[in-house]
Amino acid sequence: MVHAQQRLTAAARSMNGQEVESLGGPTSPQRFLNDVRATTLAICSTWPAAAEVLISAEHLDEVAAHAETLNRAPAERAGPQGDGWLARSVDHPPGEPLRAAALMAVVVRILDDLRGKTVLARVLSRLPSSRAGYRRLKRLAPHCSPGMNAAIGESTHLRHGTVGPPALFPQPPTHRGLLDPKDIPQLLPDAWAWPLDELNGPARQLRRDAAIRLVQMTRGGSRAAAARYLGITPGALQSATVTIRTWQKMPGNADAYQDALHRIAEIAAITEAPSSTRLTAPEGGRPPTAESGPRPTLGTSSAPSEE
């Protein structure tokens, strides 16, 4: 966050004729600041799909909170409890300091990275040309750096070529400290999973995927890291990912699943999982150790994992 502030301050205080680095090449400070604006727009306009590309970034929960604010109804966003007029535009930072710092840290990290053009192209490929954010991006493009324009051009190729199905929405660590991740089983028990039964989806895969997401909600990190924590094999993770990704493409399924996950987290926080499904021994018992062998694994396929 401090580095991002220094970069922005240096660009704002620069003299005529000075150059700064952006997306692997020199550009004017003015174009760098427009790159900041375009990158902010890219992240906020494509959230939560952008988070799958930016999963290793820190403080994504703060960025997610800002993106969710932008998605609220206009009347609610403009209310006295909102972030003010800055929050009404996807290419402006939020008014809340920590959220602004978190978002700018991610933005500057992308612009400083030699692979930043590739990251931006993947994020922007999720932005439909019918969206207002895309039209705003096209207006910004002539005032951005050559690197940003290259990323925009590559995103168009990805959008029409190899982008594939929509990204899975991420799970920021909203329940850190409220739920012990060691109590989360690889497949959710009936006592926790009944909200999933209302979704009319792939039952077993939903229970496995929901366990992965609960771990992310309590620990943060990627889907692959959460699956490893649970002892789920790469093949089982891949199977769940492909199945759930396809199911989420149906209208309304992703939103309904997100709501169900929050209900499950509330249930899990106040209800113990059956001892036969937990990763640790019941209270008072001896938890498994490294010497006692690996955790039991339910998946058996051997497809490659997806980070």
Protein backbone atom coordinates (compact mmCIF):
# COMPACT_ATOMS: atom_id res chain seq x y z
CA MET A 1 0.00 0.00 0.00
CA VAL A 2 2.87 2.38 0.81
CA HIS A 3 4.53 1.58 -2.52
CA ALA A 4 1.29 2.30 -4.36
CA GLN A 5 0.98 5.67 -2.60
CA GLN A 6 4.56 6.55 -3.49
CA ARG A 7 4.02 5.63 -7.15
CA LEU A 8 0.85 7.72 -7.39
CA THR A 9 2.42 10.68 -5.58
CA ALA A 10 5.52 10.62 -7.78
CA ALA A 11 3.40 10.62 -10.94
CA ALA A 12 1.20 13.43 -9.66
CA ARG A 13 4.23 15.60 -8.77
CA SER A 14 6.21 14.91 -11.95
CA MET A 15 7.51 17.65 -14.21
CA ASN A 16 6.83 18.02 -17.92
CA GLY A 17 8.97 15.68 -19.98
CA GLN A 18 9.49 13.11 -17.23
CA GLU A 19 8.68 9.47 -17.89
CA VAL A 20 7.49 6.67 -15.62
CA GLU A 21 7.17 2.91 -16.09
CA SER A 22 3.81 1.30 -16.77
CA LEU A 23 3.14 -2.25 -18.00
CA GLY A 24 6.77 -2.86 -18.92
CA GLY A 25 7.50 0.32 -20.85
CA PRO A 26 8.08 4.07 -20.41
CA THR A 27 5.18 6.47 -20.66
CA SER A 28 4.20 9.92 -19.48
CA PRO A 29 2.93 10.38 -15.90
CA GLN A 30 -0.41 11.47 -17.30
CA ARG A 31 -0.80 8.23 -19.26
CA PHE A 32 0.34 6.24 -16.23
CA LEU A 33 -2.45 7.82 -14.15
CA ASN A 34 -4.93 6.99 -16.89
CA ASP A 35 -3.60 3.43 -16.78
CA VAL A 36 -4.44 3.46 -13.06
CA ARG A 37 -7.94 4.61 -13.89
CA ALA A 38 -8.38 2.00 -16.64
CA THR A 39 -7.09 -0.80 -14.40
CA THR A 40 -9.47 0.27 -11.63
CA LEU A 41 -12.30 0.17 -14.15
CA ALA A 42 -11.20 -3.28 -15.36
CA ILE A 43 -11.24 -4.77 -11.86
CA CYS A 44 -14.47 -3.18 -10.64
CA SER A 45 -16.41 -3.70 -13.87
CA THR A 46 -15.64 -7.41 -14.03
CA TRP A 47 -15.87 -8.33 -10.34
CA PRO A 48 -16.15 -11.07 -9.16
CA ALA A 49 -14.69 -12.68 -12.31
CA ALA A 50 -11.56 -10.52 -11.93
CA ALA A 51 -10.81 -12.07 -8.55
CA GLU A 52 -10.03 -15.45 -10.09
CA VAL A 53 -7.19 -13.79 -12.01
CA LEU A 54 -6.04 -11.77 -8.96
CA ILE A 55 -6.42 -14.54 -6.37
CA SER A 56 -2.89 -14.11 -4.95
CA ALA A 57 -3.35 -10.39 -4.23
CA GLU A 58 -3.63 -9.25 -0.62
CA HIS A 59 -6.70 -7.64 0.95
CA LEU A 60 -9.05 -8.91 -1.75
CA ASP A 61 -11.83 -8.89 0.84
CA GLU A 62 -11.61 -5.08 0.92
CA VAL A 63 -11.66 -4.90 -2.87
CA ALA A 64 -14.64 -7.27 -2.88
CA ALA A 65 -16.47 -5.04 -0.40
CA HIS A 66 -16.00 -2.03 -2.69
CA ALA A 67 -17.11 -3.97 -5.76
CA GLU A 68 -20.23 -5.12 -3.92
CA THR A 69 -20.97 -1.49 -3.04
CA LEU A 70 -20.81 -0.60 -6.74
CA ASN A 71 -23.29 -3.36 -7.52
CA ARG A 72 -25.93 -2.03 -5.16
CA ALA A 73 -29.00 -0.20 -6.40
CA PRO A 74 -28.22 3.45 -7.29
CA ALA A 75 -30.53 4.81 -4.58
CA GLU A 76 -28.76 2.81 -1.88
CA ARG A 77 -25.32 3.72 -3.22
CA ALA A 78 -26.11 7.43 -3.11
CA GLY A 79 -27.45 7.28 0.45
CA PRO A 80 -25.72 8.93 3.43
CA GLN A 81 -24.09 5.63 4.46
CA GLY A 82 -22.52 5.08 1.04
CA ASP A 83 -19.04 6.03 -0.12
CA GLY A 84 -20.24 9.26 -1.74
CA TRP A 85 -19.97 10.24 -5.38
CA LEU A 86 -16.63 8.46 -5.86
CA ALA A 87 -18.32 5.08 -5.40
CA ARG A 88 -20.72 5.80 -8.24
CA SER A 89 -18.02 5.42 -10.88
CA VAL A 90 -16.16 2.19 -11.55
CA ASP A 91 -12.98 4.03 -12.57
CA HIS A 92 -12.67 5.98 -9.29
CA PRO A 93 -11.31 4.64 -5.99
CA PRO A 94 -13.68 4.15 -3.05
CA GLY A 95 -14.03 6.84 -0.42
CA GLU A 96 -13.23 4.48 2.47
CA PRO A 97 -9.44 4.65 3.11
CA LEU A 98 -8.62 0.95 3.62
CA ARG A 99 -10.66 -0.10 0.60
CA ALA A 100 -9.01 2.60 -1.51
CA ALA A 101 -5.54 1.56 -0.35
CA ALA A 102 -6.24 -2.12 -1.02
CA LEU A 103 -7.59 -1.41 -4.51
CA MET A 104 -4.73 0.93 -5.44
CA ALA A 105 -2.18 -1.60 -4.17
CA VAL A 106 -3.63 -4.22 -6.53
CA VAL A 107 -3.78 -1.75 -9.42
CA VAL A 108 -0.17 -0.58 -9.05
CA ARG A 109 1.03 -4.15 -8.58
CA ILE A 110 -0.46 -5.01 -11.99
CA LEU A 111 1.06 -1.95 -13.67
CA ASP A 112 4.49 -2.70 -12.16
CA ASP A 113 4.45 -6.36 -13.20
CA LEU A 114 6.15 -7.38 -16.45
CA ARG A 115 3.23 -9.78 -16.92
CA GLY A 116 0.72 -7.04 -16.19
CA LYS A 117 -0.48 -6.82 -19.80
CA THR A 118 -1.38 -10.51 -19.73
CA VAL A 119 -3.21 -10.14 -16.41
CA LEU A 120 -5.14 -7.12 -17.66
CA ALA A 121 -6.04 -8.83 -20.91
CA ARG A 122 -7.51 -11.76 -18.98
CA VAL A 123 -9.47 -9.42 -16.70
CA LEU A 124 -10.73 -7.21 -19.53
CA SER A 125 -11.79 -10.24 -21.57
CA ARG A 126 -14.54 -10.64 -18.94
CA LEU A 127 -15.96 -7.19 -19.73
CA PRO A 128 -18.81 -7.45 -22.26
CA SER A 129 -18.77 -4.85 -25.02
CA SER A 130 -22.39 -4.04 -24.17
CA ARG A 131 -21.49 -2.76 -20.69
CA ALA A 132 -21.14 0.94 -19.89
CA GLY A 133 -17.70 0.19 -18.41
CA TYR A 134 -16.49 -1.05 -21.80
CA ARG A 135 -17.60 2.18 -23.50
CA ARG A 136 -15.84 4.20 -20.82
CA LEU A 137 -12.70 2.12 -21.31
CA LYS A 138 -12.74 2.86 -25.05
CA ARG A 139 -12.89 6.58 -24.26
CA LEU A 140 -9.94 6.25 -21.88
CA ALA A 141 -7.79 4.14 -24.22
CA PRO A 142 -6.40 6.99 -26.40
CA HIS A 143 -5.05 8.63 -23.25
CA CYS A 144 -3.42 5.48 -21.82
CA SER A 145 0.03 3.97 -22.32
CA PRO A 146 0.99 1.71 -25.25
CA GLY A 147 1.05 -1.20 -22.79
CA MET A 148 -2.55 -0.59 -21.74
CA ASN A 149 -3.70 -0.38 -25.35
CA ALA A 150 -1.89 -3.64 -26.08
CA ALA A 151 -3.74 -5.28 -23.17
CA ILE A 152 -7.07 -3.95 -24.44
CA GLY A 153 -6.34 -5.32 -27.90
CA GLU A 154 -5.39 -8.74 -26.51
CA SER A 155 -8.54 -8.82 -24.37
CA THR A 156 -10.65 -8.46 -27.51
CA HIS A 157 -8.89 -11.49 -28.99
CA LEU A 158 -9.48 -13.48 -25.80
CA ARG A 159 -13.13 -12.46 -25.62
CA HIS A 160 -13.79 -13.85 -29.08
CA GLY A 161 -11.37 -16.77 -28.82
CA THR A 162 -10.20 -18.70 -25.82
CA VAL A 163 -11.76 -17.02 -22.79
CA GLY A 164 -13.99 -20.03 -21.98
CA PRO A 165 -16.81 -20.12 -19.46
CA PRO A 166 -17.32 -17.47 -16.76
CA ALA A 167 -15.02 -17.53 -13.75
CA LEU A 168 -16.13 -19.00 -10.46
CA PHE A 169 -16.86 -16.31 -7.95
CA PRO A 170 -14.25 -16.11 -5.16
CA GLN A 171 -14.82 -16.37 -1.44
CA PRO A 172 -13.06 -13.62 0.55
CA PRO A 173 -12.25 -14.53 4.20
CA THR A 174 -15.46 -13.05 5.59
CA HIS A 175 -15.73 -15.65 8.39
CA ARG A 176 -12.16 -15.65 9.68
CA GLY A 177 -12.34 -16.36 13.41
CA LEU A 178 -16.05 -17.23 13.28
CA LEU A 179 -15.62 -20.78 12.04
CA ASP A 180 -12.73 -23.17 12.67
CA PRO A 181 -11.50 -24.49 9.30
CA LYS A 182 -10.36 -27.72 10.99
CA ASP A 183 -14.05 -28.55 11.58
CA ILE A 184 -14.92 -28.39 7.88
CA PRO A 185 -15.22 -31.85 6.25
CA GLN A 186 -14.48 -32.69 2.62
CA LEU A 187 -18.18 -33.27 1.96
CA LEU A 188 -20.65 -31.21 3.96
CA PRO A 189 -22.89 -33.21 6.33
CA ASP A 190 -26.69 -33.09 6.09
CA ALA A 191 -26.88 -30.84 9.15
CA TRP A 192 -24.99 -28.13 7.26
CA ALA A 193 -25.85 -28.76 3.65
CA TRP A 194 -29.64 -28.55 3.55
CA PRO A 195 -29.57 -25.04 1.88
CA LEU A 196 -27.89 -26.75 -1.10
CA ASP A 197 -30.86 -29.10 -1.48
CA GLU A 198 -32.99 -26.14 -2.53
CA LEU A 199 -30.74 -25.39 -5.53
CA ASN A 200 -31.61 -28.45 -7.64
CA GLY A 201 -27.96 -28.80 -8.63
CA PRO A 202 -25.32 -31.57 -8.68
CA ALA A 203 -25.66 -32.57 -5.03
CA ARG A 204 -22.35 -34.32 -4.32
CA GLN A 205 -20.25 -31.84 -6.26
CA LEU A 206 -22.02 -28.93 -4.58
CA ARG A 207 -21.21 -30.37 -1.14
CA ARG A 208 -17.55 -30.75 -2.05
CA ASP A 209 -17.34 -27.32 -3.69
CA ALA A 210 -19.13 -25.70 -0.73
CA ALA A 211 -16.56 -27.22 1.65
CA ILE A 212 -13.78 -25.66 -0.43
CA ARG A 213 -15.50 -22.30 -0.36
CA LEU A 214 -16.07 -22.49 3.41
CA VAL A 215 -12.33 -22.98 3.88
CA GLN A 216 -11.70 -19.92 1.70
CA MET A 217 -14.21 -17.95 3.79
CA THR A 218 -12.30 -18.87 6.98
CA ARG A 219 -8.67 -18.87 5.72
CA GLY A 220 -8.59 -16.92 2.44
CA GLY A 221 -6.41 -18.12 -0.43
CA SER A 222 -7.13 -19.93 -3.68
CA ARG A 223 -9.48 -22.81 -4.42
CA ALA A 224 -6.50 -25.09 -4.96
CA ALA A 225 -5.01 -24.18 -1.56
CA ALA A 226 -8.36 -24.76 0.15
CA ALA A 227 -8.72 -28.15 -1.55
CA ARG A 228 -5.22 -29.15 -0.44
CA TYR A 229 -6.06 -28.13 3.12
CA LEU A 230 -9.10 -30.42 3.05
CA GLY A 231 -7.12 -33.29 1.54
CA ILE A 232 -9.10 -33.21 -1.71
CA THR A 233 -7.12 -34.62 -4.62
CA PRO A 234 -6.38 -32.51 -7.71
CA GLY A 235 -8.65 -34.77 -9.76
CA ALA A 236 -11.58 -34.34 -7.39
CA LEU A 237 -11.01 -30.55 -7.38
CA GLN A 238 -10.97 -30.47 -11.17
CA SER A 239 -14.15 -32.53 -11.37
CA ALA A 240 -15.98 -30.27 -8.93
CA THR A 241 -14.73 -27.13 -10.69
CA VAL A 242 -15.87 -28.21 -14.14
CA THR A 243 -19.26 -29.42 -12.92
CA ILE A 244 -20.03 -26.37 -10.78
CA ARG A 245 -18.75 -23.95 -13.44
CA THR A 246 -21.17 -25.42 -15.98
CA TRP A 247 -24.06 -25.40 -13.53
CA GLN A 248 -23.41 -21.75 -12.52
CA LYS A 249 -23.82 -20.60 -16.12
CA MET A 250 -27.56 -21.20 -15.85
CA PRO A 251 -29.44 -17.96 -15.01
CA GLY A 252 -29.75 -17.31 -11.30
CA ASN A 253 -27.66 -20.27 -10.14
CA ALA A 254 -24.53 -18.34 -9.11
CA ASP A 255 -26.49 -15.84 -6.99
CA ALA A 256 -28.57 -18.59 -5.38
CA TYR A 257 -25.43 -20.57 -4.59
CA GLN A 258 -23.75 -17.55 -3.02
CA ASP A 259 -26.79 -17.01 -0.79
CA ALA A 260 -26.79 -20.69 0.18
CA LEU A 261 -23.11 -20.53 1.12
CA HIS A 262 -23.69 -17.67 3.52
CA ARG A 263 -26.55 -19.60 5.14
CA ILE A 264 -24.33 -22.67 5.45
CA ALA A 265 -21.56 -20.60 7.06
CA GLU A 266 -24.04 -19.30 9.63
CA ILE A 267 -25.24 -22.86 10.36
CA ALA A 268 -21.68 -24.21 10.59
CA ALA A 269 -20.67 -21.45 13.01
CA ILE A 270 -23.23 -22.62 15.58
CA THR A 271 -23.57 -26.35 14.75
CA GLU A 272 -20.82 -28.95 15.05
CA ALA A 273 -20.24 -31.27 12.13
CA PRO A 274 -20.72 -34.97 12.99
CA SER A 275 -17.46 -36.36 14.42
CA SER A 276 -17.20 -38.89 11.59
CA THR A 277 -16.86 -36.11 9.01
CA ARG A 278 -14.53 -33.67 10.80
CA LEU A 279 -10.86 -33.30 10.00
CA THR A 280 -10.03 -33.21 13.73
CA ALA A 281 -11.01 -35.42 16.63
CA PRO A 282 -14.07 -34.45 18.73
CA GLU A 283 -13.53 -32.03 21.60
CA GLY A 284 -11.33 -33.65 24.22
CA GLY A 285 -9.95 -36.19 21.74
CA ARG A 286 -6.51 -36.33 20.16
CA PRO A 287 -6.36 -34.58 16.75
CA PRO A 288 -4.49 -36.29 13.91
CA THR A 289 -0.81 -35.52 13.59
CA ALA A 290 1.72 -35.74 10.80
CA GLU A 291 2.86 -39.07 12.24
CA SER A 292 -0.64 -40.52 12.16
CA GLY A 293 -0.78 -40.35 8.37
CA PRO A 294 -2.54 -38.15 5.82
CA ARG A 295 -6.14 -37.08 6.03
CA PRO A 296 -8.63 -39.40 4.36
CA THR A 297 -9.27 -38.47 0.74
CA LEU A 298 -12.62 -38.88 -0.98
CA GLY A 299 -11.64 -38.03 -4.57
CA THR A 300 -10.03 -40.65 -6.76
CA SER A 301 -9.58 -39.17 -10.23
CA SER A 302 -6.23 -37.91 -11.46
CA ALA A 303 -6.98 -34.90 -13.66
CA PRO A 304 -4.66 -31.88 -13.27
CA SER A 305 -5.52 -29.24 -10.69
CA GLU A 306 -6.68 -25.73 -11.43
CA GLU A 307 -5.04 -22.91 -9.49
